[in-house]
Amino acid sequence: MSWRLLQLFLSLICLVLSYAGNTCTIMVMRKSTWRKRAATTKLLFCVLAVTDICYMSVFVIDGVRQQLTEPLPDSVEKVCAIVLEILYRYSISVLVVISVERFVCVFCPLKVHDYFSLRNCKIVLVLLFFITVAWNVLYVLWVKTVERFVVASVLVDFALPFAMITFTTIAITVKLCLIQKQDMHQRRSWATNASATGLLIAANVCFLLTMLPVRVYYVCVVFSPSVCSNVYFYQWLYFLHNLNFALNFYVYCACNENFRTDALILLGCRHVPDSRTRSGHQGLEQETTLSHRP
């Protein structure tokens, strides 16, 4: 009982961190001083933050359910599990879309407004949700053994999206390093894109550090079943897994100076410089796409 109470207490802390951090992320992203062509990037990060809040809310509700003296029907437990899986996969999918949007922005700046307009982005997010639901149905029907569970959880739910995000992040970083050495116009664009790319790198690092341990555990269960005998060890790994949905804002602040400055101004911990008020700074408030000329 004491372990369950500790688990519930830690879950409530994660919920508070998630609500506070993701709400601040949404407020920073929706600042009125942002320019119009940054709307796509703002929308993607806001959707990611809202999804993380929803995930942590359902996770804590499920934790409270487990503490009840009178167990609820099995249908309630199954619904909580299904909703958590859908929200997890949708959150990871949105992160992949963000990485693709950054990739197109840097490598195809003249096409980014056609491919990633605000309208197209909304359509993609809606379609992505239905695709996630459909994949979850197939997942339930297909996963009947431990081996299939490991394949689906490790390869499809983790390795594939992580590989896509890592590839785009490395490619973007190399491209920005090359742009930095070119003409002055592109060097100004470099500062703008580097700021948004920094948020992507931060989210990718948080995703890796929190998701990888429990996936390694799943693989070890297949090759060494005795590992699964330690239930508490798995629960700590699962708790670390859920931290991914609470820490993004704090990782953004730690890894991105411009985002940190915007957050401090939002929280009233720093005043807006006069020069920034007149002309805007070159951080996140600038458009996050490479400007193009006819």
C-alpha atoms as a PDB file:
ATOM      1  CA  MET A   1       0.000   0.000   0.000  1.00  0.00           C
ATOM      2  CA  SER A   2       2.820   2.428   0.842  1.00  0.00           C
ATOM      3  CA  TRP A   3       4.379   1.860  -2.591  1.00  0.00           C
ATOM      4  CA  ARG A   4       1.067   2.590  -4.307  1.00  0.00           C
ATOM      5  CA  LEU A   5       0.660   5.787  -2.301  1.00  0.00           C
ATOM      6  CA  LEU A   6       4.188   6.842  -3.266  1.00  0.00           C
ATOM      7  CA  GLN A   7       3.414   6.068  -6.895  1.00  0.00           C
ATOM      8  CA  LEU A   8       0.226   8.130  -6.730  1.00  0.00           C
ATOM      9  CA  PHE A   9       2.071  11.014  -5.051  1.00  0.00           C
ATOM     10  CA  LEU A  10       4.762  11.038  -7.742  1.00  0.00           C
ATOM     11  CA  SER A  11       2.083  10.868 -10.420  1.00  0.00           C
ATOM     12  CA  LEU A  12       0.374  13.929  -8.955  1.00  0.00           C
ATOM     13  CA  ILE A  13       3.711  15.787  -9.014  1.00  0.00           C
ATOM     14  CA  CYS A  14       4.099  14.857 -12.684  1.00  0.00           C
ATOM     15  CA  LEU A  15       0.570  16.104 -13.327  1.00  0.00           C
ATOM     16  CA  VAL A  16       1.341  19.466 -11.727  1.00  0.00           C
ATOM     17  CA  LEU A  17       4.593  19.747 -13.691  1.00  0.00           C
ATOM     18  CA  SER A  18       2.773  18.816 -16.885  1.00  0.00           C
ATOM     19  CA  TYR A  19      -0.058  21.311 -16.394  1.00  0.00           C
ATOM     20  CA  ALA A  20       2.279  24.143 -15.399  1.00  0.00           C
ATOM     21  CA  GLY A  21       4.937  23.475 -18.039  1.00  0.00           C
ATOM     22  CA  ASN A  22       2.686  22.710 -20.996  1.00  0.00           C
ATOM     23  CA  THR A  23       0.386  25.628 -20.183  1.00  0.00           C
ATOM     24  CA  CYS A  24       3.404  27.941 -20.204  1.00  0.00           C
ATOM     25  CA  THR A  25       4.495  26.412 -23.508  1.00  0.00           C
ATOM     26  CA  ILE A  26       1.111  27.180 -25.043  1.00  0.00           C
ATOM     27  CA  MET A  27       1.182  30.744 -23.720  1.00  0.00           C
ATOM     28  CA  VAL A  28       4.711  31.337 -25.028  1.00  0.00           C
ATOM     29  CA  MET A  29       3.789  29.913 -28.428  1.00  0.00           C
ATOM     30  CA  ARG A  30       0.654  32.014 -28.687  1.00  0.00           C
ATOM     31  CA  LYS A  31       2.227  35.357 -27.866  1.00  0.00           C
ATOM     32  CA  SER A  32       0.657  38.126 -29.896  1.00  0.00           C
ATOM     33  CA  THR A  33       4.030  39.477 -30.998  1.00  0.00           C
ATOM     34  CA  TRP A  34       4.692  36.395 -33.127  1.00  0.00           C
ATOM     35  CA  ARG A  35       4.464  36.991 -36.828  1.00  0.00           C
ATOM     36  CA  LYS A  36       1.806  35.338 -38.936  1.00  0.00           C
ATOM     37  CA  ARG A  37       4.048  32.918 -40.828  1.00  0.00           C
ATOM     38  CA  ALA A  38       5.085  31.296 -37.553  1.00  0.00           C
ATOM     39  CA  ALA A  39       1.516  30.043 -37.087  1.00  0.00           C
ATOM     40  CA  THR A  40       2.260  26.483 -38.257  1.00  0.00           C
ATOM     41  CA  THR A  41       5.125  25.954 -35.843  1.00  0.00           C
ATOM     42  CA  LYS A  42       3.125  27.476 -32.995  1.00  0.00           C
ATOM     43  CA  LEU A  43       0.172  25.221 -33.740  1.00  0.00           C
ATOM     44  CA  LEU A  44       2.295  22.051 -33.758  1.00  0.00           C
ATOM     45  CA  PHE A  45       3.987  22.787 -30.442  1.00  0.00           C
ATOM     46  CA  CYS A  46       0.646  23.795 -28.890  1.00  0.00           C
ATOM     47  CA  VAL A  47      -0.985  20.540 -30.022  1.00  0.00           C
ATOM     48  CA  LEU A  48       1.967  18.614 -28.601  1.00  0.00           C
ATOM     49  CA  ALA A  49       1.555  20.414 -25.259  1.00  0.00           C
ATOM     50  CA  VAL A  50      -2.211  19.804 -25.136  1.00  0.00           C
ATOM     51  CA  THR A  51      -1.712  16.114 -25.932  1.00  0.00           C
ATOM     52  CA  ASP A  52       0.832  15.797 -23.128  1.00  0.00           C
ATOM     53  CA  ILE A  53      -1.599  17.414 -20.667  1.00  0.00           C
ATOM     54  CA  CYS A  54      -4.358  15.000 -21.698  1.00  0.00           C
ATOM     55  CA  TYR A  55      -2.034  12.016 -21.346  1.00  0.00           C
ATOM     56  CA  MET A  56      -0.918  12.966 -17.838  1.00  0.00           C
ATOM     57  CA  SER A  57      -4.529  13.629 -16.793  1.00  0.00           C
ATOM     58  CA  VAL A  58      -5.675  10.164 -17.874  1.00  0.00           C
ATOM     59  CA  PHE A  59      -2.553   8.606 -16.339  1.00  0.00           C
ATOM     60  CA  VAL A  60      -3.285  10.150 -12.929  1.00  0.00           C
ATOM     61  CA  ILE A  61      -6.982   9.227 -13.165  1.00  0.00           C
ATOM     62  CA  ASP A  62      -5.918   5.645 -13.801  1.00  0.00           C
ATOM     63  CA  GLY A  63      -3.570   5.845 -10.798  1.00  0.00           C
ATOM     64  CA  VAL A  64      -6.372   7.082  -8.566  1.00  0.00           C
ATOM     65  CA  ARG A  65      -8.584   4.283  -9.846  1.00  0.00           C
ATOM     66  CA  GLN A  66      -6.006   1.731  -8.693  1.00  0.00           C
ATOM     67  CA  GLN A  67      -6.133   3.150  -5.149  1.00  0.00           C
ATOM     68  CA  LEU A  68      -9.876   2.616  -4.776  1.00  0.00           C
ATOM     69  CA  THR A  69     -10.882  -0.021  -2.233  1.00  0.00           C
ATOM     70  CA  GLU A  70     -13.704  -1.176  -4.491  1.00  0.00           C
ATOM     71  CA  PRO A  71     -12.329  -1.957  -7.950  1.00  0.00           C
ATOM     72  CA  LEU A  72     -14.123  -0.476 -10.923  1.00  0.00           C
ATOM     73  CA  PRO A  73     -15.348  -2.657 -13.805  1.00  0.00           C
ATOM     74  CA  ASP A  74     -12.705  -4.052 -16.142  1.00  0.00           C
ATOM     75  CA  SER A  75     -14.153  -1.947 -18.945  1.00  0.00           C
ATOM     76  CA  VAL A  76     -12.976   1.226 -17.180  1.00  0.00           C
ATOM     77  CA  GLU A  77      -9.434  -0.134 -16.928  1.00  0.00           C
ATOM     78  CA  LYS A  78      -9.436  -1.094 -20.595  1.00  0.00           C
ATOM     79  CA  VAL A  79     -10.717   2.332 -21.641  1.00  0.00           C
ATOM     80  CA  CYS A  80      -7.966   4.074 -19.650  1.00  0.00           C
ATOM     81  CA  ALA A  81      -5.333   1.830 -21.208  1.00  0.00           C
ATOM     82  CA  ILE A  82      -6.620   2.424 -24.736  1.00  0.00           C
ATOM     83  CA  VAL A  83      -6.818   6.206 -24.269  1.00  0.00           C
ATOM     84  CA  LEU A  84      -3.266   6.289 -22.882  1.00  0.00           C
ATOM     85  CA  GLU A  85      -1.961   4.326 -25.868  1.00  0.00           C
ATOM     86  CA  ILE A  86      -3.747   6.583 -28.348  1.00  0.00           C
ATOM     87  CA  LEU A  87      -2.486   9.770 -26.686  1.00  0.00           C
ATOM     88  CA  TYR A  88       1.062   8.391 -26.489  1.00  0.00           C
ATOM     89  CA  ARG A  89       1.152   7.484 -30.169  1.00  0.00           C
ATOM     90  CA  TYR A  90      -0.462  10.765 -31.194  1.00  0.00           C
ATOM     91  CA  SER A  91       2.064  12.769 -29.156  1.00  0.00           C
ATOM     92  CA  ILE A  92       4.973  10.945 -30.805  1.00  0.00           C
ATOM     93  CA  SER A  93       3.370  11.388 -34.232  1.00  0.00           C
ATOM     94  CA  VAL A  94       3.049  15.142 -33.693  1.00  0.00           C
ATOM     95  CA  LEU A  95       6.732  15.259 -32.761  1.00  0.00           C
ATOM     96  CA  VAL A  96       7.532  13.509 -36.056  1.00  0.00           C
ATOM     97  CA  VAL A  97       5.427  16.065 -37.948  1.00  0.00           C
ATOM     98  CA  ILE A  98       7.334  18.879 -36.236  1.00  0.00           C
ATOM     99  CA  SER A  99      10.639  17.362 -37.352  1.00  0.00           C
ATOM    100  CA  VAL A 100       9.387  16.997 -40.933  1.00  0.00           C
ATOM    101  CA  GLU A 101       8.121  20.592 -40.935  1.00  0.00           C
ATOM    102  CA  ARG A 102      11.523  21.822 -39.746  1.00  0.00           C
ATOM    103  CA  PHE A 103      13.226  19.678 -42.405  1.00  0.00           C
ATOM    104  CA  VAL A 104      11.093  21.098 -45.224  1.00  0.00           C
ATOM    105  CA  CYS A 105      11.532  24.607 -43.847  1.00  0.00           C
ATOM    106  CA  VAL A 106      15.316  24.396 -44.030  1.00  0.00           C
ATOM    107  CA  PHE A 107      15.782  22.327 -47.199  1.00  0.00           C
ATOM    108  CA  CYS A 108      12.796  23.560 -49.272  1.00  0.00           C
ATOM    109  CA  PRO A 109      12.115  27.116 -48.038  1.00  0.00           C
ATOM    110  CA  LEU A 110      10.238  28.102 -51.205  1.00  0.00           C
ATOM    111  CA  LYS A 111       7.807  25.180 -50.801  1.00  0.00           C
ATOM    112  CA  VAL A 112       7.212  25.246 -47.064  1.00  0.00           C
ATOM    113  CA  HIS A 113       4.242  27.628 -47.298  1.00  0.00           C
ATOM    114  CA  ASP A 114       2.583  25.314 -49.816  1.00  0.00           C
ATOM    115  CA  TYR A 115       3.240  22.083 -47.960  1.00  0.00           C
ATOM    116  CA  PHE A 116       2.834  23.345 -44.390  1.00  0.00           C
ATOM    117  CA  SER A 117       0.249  26.075 -44.579  1.00  0.00           C
ATOM    118  CA  LEU A 118      -1.895  26.513 -41.490  1.00  0.00           C
ATOM    119  CA  ARG A 119      -4.866  24.888 -43.227  1.00  0.00           C
ATOM    120  CA  ASN A 120      -2.856  21.888 -44.417  1.00  0.00           C
ATOM    121  CA  CYS A 121      -1.340  21.491 -40.976  1.00  0.00           C
ATOM    122  CA  LYS A 122      -4.775  21.328 -39.345  1.00  0.00           C
ATOM    123  CA  ILE A 123      -5.899  18.719 -41.868  1.00  0.00           C
ATOM    124  CA  VAL A 124      -2.754  16.639 -41.228  1.00  0.00           C
ATOM    125  CA  LEU A 125      -3.276  16.771 -37.457  1.00  0.00           C
ATOM    126  CA  VAL A 126      -6.888  15.605 -37.759  1.00  0.00           C
ATOM    127  CA  LEU A 127      -5.977  12.796 -40.169  1.00  0.00           C
ATOM    128  CA  LEU A 128      -3.085  11.834 -37.932  1.00  0.00           C
ATOM    129  CA  PHE A 129      -5.433  11.386 -34.991  1.00  0.00           C
ATOM    130  CA  PHE A 130      -7.695   9.014 -36.930  1.00  0.00           C
ATOM    131  CA  ILE A 131      -4.655   7.108 -38.219  1.00  0.00           C
ATOM    132  CA  THR A 132      -3.448   6.768 -34.631  1.00  0.00           C
ATOM    133  CA  VAL A 133      -6.823   5.384 -33.554  1.00  0.00           C
ATOM    134  CA  ALA A 134      -6.802   2.917 -36.473  1.00  0.00           C
ATOM    135  CA  TRP A 135      -3.254   1.800 -35.623  1.00  0.00           C
ATOM    136  CA  ASN A 136      -4.300   1.279 -32.015  1.00  0.00           C
ATOM    137  CA  VAL A 137      -7.130  -1.009 -33.157  1.00  0.00           C
ATOM    138  CA  LEU A 138      -4.715  -3.033 -35.290  1.00  0.00           C
ATOM    139  CA  TYR A 139      -2.292  -3.110 -32.375  1.00  0.00           C
ATOM    140  CA  VAL A 140      -4.895  -4.655 -30.062  1.00  0.00           C
ATOM    141  CA  LEU A 141      -5.885  -7.238 -32.671  1.00  0.00           C
ATOM    142  CA  TRP A 142      -2.319  -8.181 -33.643  1.00  0.00           C
ATOM    143  CA  VAL A 143      -0.484  -8.227 -30.291  1.00  0.00           C
ATOM    144  CA  LYS A 144      -1.250 -11.627 -28.833  1.00  0.00           C
ATOM    145  CA  THR A 145       2.195 -12.692 -27.605  1.00  0.00           C
ATOM    146  CA  VAL A 146       5.095 -11.118 -25.731  1.00  0.00           C
ATOM    147  CA  GLU A 147       7.259 -11.190 -28.853  1.00  0.00           C
ATOM    148  CA  ARG A 148       4.691  -9.265 -30.892  1.00  0.00           C
ATOM    149  CA  PHE A 149       4.266  -6.797 -28.061  1.00  0.00           C
ATOM    150  CA  VAL A 150       8.009  -6.113 -28.036  1.00  0.00           C
ATOM    151  CA  VAL A 151       8.087  -5.685 -31.820  1.00  0.00           C
ATOM    152  CA  ALA A 152       5.184  -3.240 -31.761  1.00  0.00           C
ATOM    153  CA  SER A 153       6.322  -1.340 -28.676  1.00  0.00           C
ATOM    154  CA  VAL A 154      10.037  -1.162 -29.429  1.00  0.00           C
ATOM    155  CA  LEU A 155      10.266  -0.997 -33.211  1.00  0.00           C
ATOM    156  CA  VAL A 156       7.040   0.722 -34.277  1.00  0.00           C
ATOM    157  CA  ASP A 157       6.241   2.883 -31.248  1.00  0.00           C
ATOM    158  CA  PHE A 158       9.812   3.913 -30.436  1.00  0.00           C
ATOM    159  CA  ALA A 159      12.612   3.013 -32.859  1.00  0.00           C
ATOM    160  CA  LEU A 160      10.874   4.119 -36.062  1.00  0.00           C
ATOM    161  CA  PRO A 161       9.747   7.602 -34.887  1.00  0.00           C
ATOM    162  CA  PHE A 162      13.027   8.157 -33.050  1.00  0.00           C
ATOM    163  CA  ALA A 163      14.999   7.277 -36.202  1.00  0.00           C
ATOM    164  CA  MET A 164      12.937   9.719 -38.273  1.00  0.00           C
ATOM    165  CA  ILE A 165      13.298  12.520 -35.743  1.00  0.00           C
ATOM    166  CA  THR A 166      17.021  11.906 -35.306  1.00  0.00           C
ATOM    167  CA  PHE A 167      17.674  11.812 -39.075  1.00  0.00           C
ATOM    168  CA  THR A 168      15.841  15.080 -39.703  1.00  0.00           C
ATOM    169  CA  THR A 169      17.487  16.743 -36.701  1.00  0.00           C
ATOM    170  CA  ILE A 170      20.995  15.783 -37.837  1.00  0.00           C
ATOM    171  CA  ALA A 171      20.266  16.832 -41.414  1.00  0.00           C
ATOM    172  CA  ILE A 172      18.879  20.188 -40.259  1.00  0.00           C
ATOM    173  CA  THR A 173      21.856  20.804 -37.990  1.00  0.00           C
ATOM    174  CA  VAL A 174      24.338  20.101 -40.806  1.00  0.00           C
ATOM    175  CA  LYS A 175      22.409  22.323 -43.193  1.00  0.00           C
ATOM    176  CA  LEU A 176      22.296  25.187 -40.698  1.00  0.00           C
ATOM    177  CA  CYS A 177      26.045  24.895 -40.146  1.00  0.00           C
ATOM    178  CA  LEU A 178      26.538  25.302 -43.897  1.00  0.00           C
ATOM    179  CA  ILE A 179      24.084  28.206 -44.105  1.00  0.00           C
ATOM    180  CA  GLN A 180      25.947  30.022 -41.343  1.00  0.00           C
ATOM    181  CA  LYS A 181      28.979  30.321 -43.632  1.00  0.00           C
ATOM    182  CA  GLN A 182      27.056  31.764 -46.591  1.00  0.00           C
ATOM    183  CA  ASP A 183      25.734  35.221 -47.454  1.00  0.00           C
ATOM    184  CA  MET A 184      24.346  37.666 -44.920  1.00  0.00           C
ATOM    185  CA  HIS A 185      20.710  37.097 -45.854  1.00  0.00           C
ATOM    186  CA  GLN A 186      20.943  33.381 -45.167  1.00  0.00           C
ATOM    187  CA  ARG A 187      22.907  33.990 -41.986  1.00  0.00           C
ATOM    188  CA  ARG A 188      20.018  36.051 -40.633  1.00  0.00           C
ATOM    189  CA  SER A 189      17.667  33.201 -41.509  1.00  0.00           C
ATOM    190  CA  TRP A 190      20.059  30.815 -39.785  1.00  0.00           C
ATOM    191  CA  ALA A 191      19.458  32.457 -36.392  1.00  0.00           C
ATOM    192  CA  THR A 192      15.705  32.169 -36.838  1.00  0.00           C
ATOM    193  CA  ASN A 193      15.708  28.501 -37.873  1.00  0.00           C
ATOM    194  CA  ALA A 194      18.327  27.534 -35.297  1.00  0.00           C
ATOM    195  CA  SER A 195      16.014  28.749 -32.538  1.00  0.00           C
ATOM    196  CA  ALA A 196      13.079  26.585 -33.609  1.00  0.00           C
ATOM    197  CA  THR A 197      15.384  23.651 -34.358  1.00  0.00           C
ATOM    198  CA  GLY A 198      16.742  23.920 -30.812  1.00  0.00           C
ATOM    199  CA  LEU A 199      13.257  23.169 -29.493  1.00  0.00           C
ATOM    200  CA  LEU A 200      13.093  20.094 -31.711  1.00  0.00           C
ATOM    201  CA  ILE A 201      16.477  18.865 -30.465  1.00  0.00           C
ATOM    202  CA  ALA A 202      15.384  19.408 -26.861  1.00  0.00           C
ATOM    203  CA  ALA A 203      12.170  17.444 -27.387  1.00  0.00           C
ATOM    204  CA  ASN A 204      14.123  14.647 -29.082  1.00  0.00           C
ATOM    205  CA  VAL A 205      16.592  14.401 -26.186  1.00  0.00           C
ATOM    206  CA  CYS A 206      13.726  14.278 -23.667  1.00  0.00           C
ATOM    207  CA  PHE A 207      12.014  11.600 -25.765  1.00  0.00           C
ATOM    208  CA  LEU A 208      15.157   9.450 -25.867  1.00  0.00           C
ATOM    209  CA  LEU A 209      16.095   9.696 -22.187  1.00  0.00           C
ATOM    210  CA  THR A 210      12.607   8.918 -20.892  1.00  0.00           C
ATOM    211  CA  MET A 211      11.407   6.340 -23.434  1.00  0.00           C
ATOM    212  CA  LEU A 212      14.538   4.265 -24.053  1.00  0.00           C
ATOM    213  CA  PRO A 213      14.942   2.548 -20.623  1.00  0.00           C
ATOM    214  CA  VAL A 214      11.513   0.913 -20.579  1.00  0.00           C
ATOM    215  CA  ARG A 215      11.979  -0.256 -24.190  1.00  0.00           C
ATOM    216  CA  VAL A 216      15.290  -1.859 -23.274  1.00  0.00           C
ATOM    217  CA  TYR A 217      13.459  -3.572 -20.425  1.00  0.00           C
ATOM    218  CA  TYR A 218      10.893  -4.988 -22.883  1.00  0.00           C
ATOM    219  CA  VAL A 219      13.692  -6.485 -24.998  1.00  0.00           C
ATOM    220  CA  CYS A 220      15.346  -7.970 -21.916  1.00  0.00           C
ATOM    221  CA  VAL A 221      12.055  -9.614 -20.940  1.00  0.00           C
ATOM    222  CA  VAL A 222      12.058 -11.590 -24.200  1.00  0.00           C
ATOM    223  CA  PHE A 223      15.638 -12.826 -23.902  1.00  0.00           C
ATOM    224  CA  SER A 224      15.735 -13.064 -20.101  1.00  0.00           C
ATOM    225  CA  PRO A 225      12.264 -13.620 -18.581  1.00  0.00           C
ATOM    226  CA  SER A 226      13.660 -13.509 -15.055  1.00  0.00           C
ATOM    227  CA  VAL A 227      14.039  -9.747 -15.409  1.00  0.00           C
ATOM    228  CA  CYS A 228      10.284  -9.268 -15.329  1.00  0.00           C
ATOM    229  CA  SER A 229      10.133 -10.710 -11.808  1.00  0.00           C
ATOM    230  CA  ASN A 230      11.132  -7.315 -10.402  1.00  0.00           C
ATOM    231  CA  VAL A 231       7.823  -5.468 -10.584  1.00  0.00           C
ATOM    232  CA  TYR A 232       9.044  -2.368  -8.768  1.00  0.00           C
ATOM    233  CA  PHE A 233      11.902  -1.910 -11.209  1.00  0.00           C
ATOM    234  CA  TYR A 234       9.437  -1.929 -14.112  1.00  0.00           C
ATOM    235  CA  GLN A 235       7.143   0.541 -12.363  1.00  0.00           C
ATOM    236  CA  TRP A 236      10.028   2.974 -11.908  1.00  0.00           C
ATOM    237  CA  LEU A 237      10.877   2.649 -15.598  1.00  0.00           C
ATOM    238  CA  TYR A 238       7.231   3.202 -16.510  1.00  0.00           C
ATOM    239  CA  PHE A 239       7.168   6.267 -14.282  1.00  0.00           C
ATOM    240  CA  LEU A 240      10.237   7.593 -16.117  1.00  0.00           C
ATOM    241  CA  HIS A 241       8.432   6.900 -19.386  1.00  0.00           C
ATOM    242  CA  ASN A 242       5.547   9.115 -18.299  1.00  0.00           C
ATOM    243  CA  LEU A 243       7.899  11.926 -17.330  1.00  0.00           C
ATOM    244  CA  ASN A 244       8.264  12.595 -21.059  1.00  0.00           C
ATOM    245  CA  PHE A 245       4.821  14.190 -21.009  1.00  0.00           C
ATOM    246  CA  ALA A 246       5.697  16.547 -18.163  1.00  0.00           C
ATOM    247  CA  LEU A 247       9.239  17.753 -18.847  1.00  0.00           C
ATOM    248  CA  ASN A 248       9.184  19.226 -22.363  1.00  0.00           C
ATOM    249  CA  PHE A 249       8.744  22.821 -21.204  1.00  0.00           C
ATOM    250  CA  TYR A 250      11.613  22.602 -18.741  1.00  0.00           C
ATOM    251  CA  VAL A 251      13.867  20.947 -21.328  1.00  0.00           C
ATOM    252  CA  TYR A 252      12.960  23.718 -23.794  1.00  0.00           C
ATOM    253  CA  CYS A 253      13.999  26.319 -21.223  1.00  0.00           C
ATOM    254  CA  ALA A 254      17.252  24.518 -20.417  1.00  0.00           C
ATOM    255  CA  CYS A 255      18.294  24.002 -24.046  1.00  0.00           C
ATOM    256  CA  ASN A 256      16.988  27.107 -25.818  1.00  0.00           C
ATOM    257  CA  GLU A 257      17.959  30.600 -24.663  1.00  0.00           C
ATOM    258  CA  ASN A 258      15.299  32.397 -26.690  1.00  0.00           C
ATOM    259  CA  PHE A 259      12.509  30.194 -25.368  1.00  0.00           C
ATOM    260  CA  ARG A 260      13.839  30.648 -21.836  1.00  0.00           C
ATOM    261  CA  THR A 261      13.834  34.425 -22.280  1.00  0.00           C
ATOM    262  CA  ASP A 262      10.247  34.384 -23.549  1.00  0.00           C
ATOM    263  CA  ALA A 263       9.178  32.181 -20.627  1.00  0.00           C
ATOM    264  CA  LEU A 264      10.827  34.471 -18.067  1.00  0.00           C
ATOM    265  CA  ILE A 265       9.126  37.500 -19.597  1.00  0.00           C
ATOM    266  CA  LEU A 266       5.814  35.639 -19.589  1.00  0.00           C
ATOM    267  CA  LEU A 267       6.207  34.779 -15.893  1.00  0.00           C
ATOM    268  CA  GLY A 268       7.157  38.353 -15.051  1.00  0.00           C
ATOM    269  CA  CYS A 269      10.707  37.457 -14.049  1.00  0.00           C
ATOM    270  CA  ARG A 270      12.273  39.659 -16.710  1.00  0.00           C
ATOM    271  CA  HIS A 271      11.263  42.935 -18.322  1.00  0.00           C
ATOM    272  CA  VAL A 272      10.942  43.379 -22.060  1.00  0.00           C
ATOM    273  CA  PRO A 273      13.800  45.555 -23.379  1.00  0.00           C
ATOM    274  CA  ASP A 274      12.756  48.714 -25.183  1.00  0.00           C
ATOM    275  CA  SER A 275      14.557  47.638 -28.360  1.00  0.00           C
ATOM    276  CA  ARG A 276      12.661  44.370 -28.336  1.00  0.00           C
ATOM    277  CA  THR A 277       9.364  46.191 -27.943  1.00  0.00           C
ATOM    278  CA  ARG A 278      10.091  48.417 -30.948  1.00  0.00           C
ATOM    279  CA  SER A 279      11.547  45.966 -33.432  1.00  0.00           C
ATOM    280  CA  GLY A 280      11.187  42.459 -31.969  1.00  0.00           C
ATOM    281  CA  HIS A 281      14.062  40.171 -31.118  1.00  0.00           C
ATOM    282  CA  GLN A 282      15.607  37.547 -33.359  1.00  0.00           C
ATOM    283  CA  GLY A 283      14.496  34.586 -31.265  1.00  0.00           C
ATOM    284  CA  LEU A 284      11.256  32.716 -31.273  1.00  0.00           C
ATOM    285  CA  GLU A 285       9.193  35.796 -32.091  1.00  0.00           C
ATOM    286  CA  GLN A 286      10.609  35.937 -35.578  1.00  0.00           C
ATOM    287  CA  GLU A 287       9.063  33.871 -38.335  1.00  0.00           C
ATOM    288  CA  THR A 288      10.332  30.324 -38.157  1.00  0.00           C
ATOM    289  CA  THR A 289      10.575  29.767 -41.884  1.00  0.00           C
ATOM    290  CA  LEU A 290      13.187  30.933 -44.351  1.00  0.00           C
ATOM    291  CA  SER A 291      11.852  34.021 -46.040  1.00  0.00           C
ATOM    292  CA  HIS A 292      11.670  33.777 -49.833  1.00  0.00           C
ATOM    293  CA  ARG A 293      11.737  36.316 -52.588  1.00  0.00           C
ATOM    294  CA  PRO A 294       9.791  36.230 -55.873  1.00  0.00           C
END
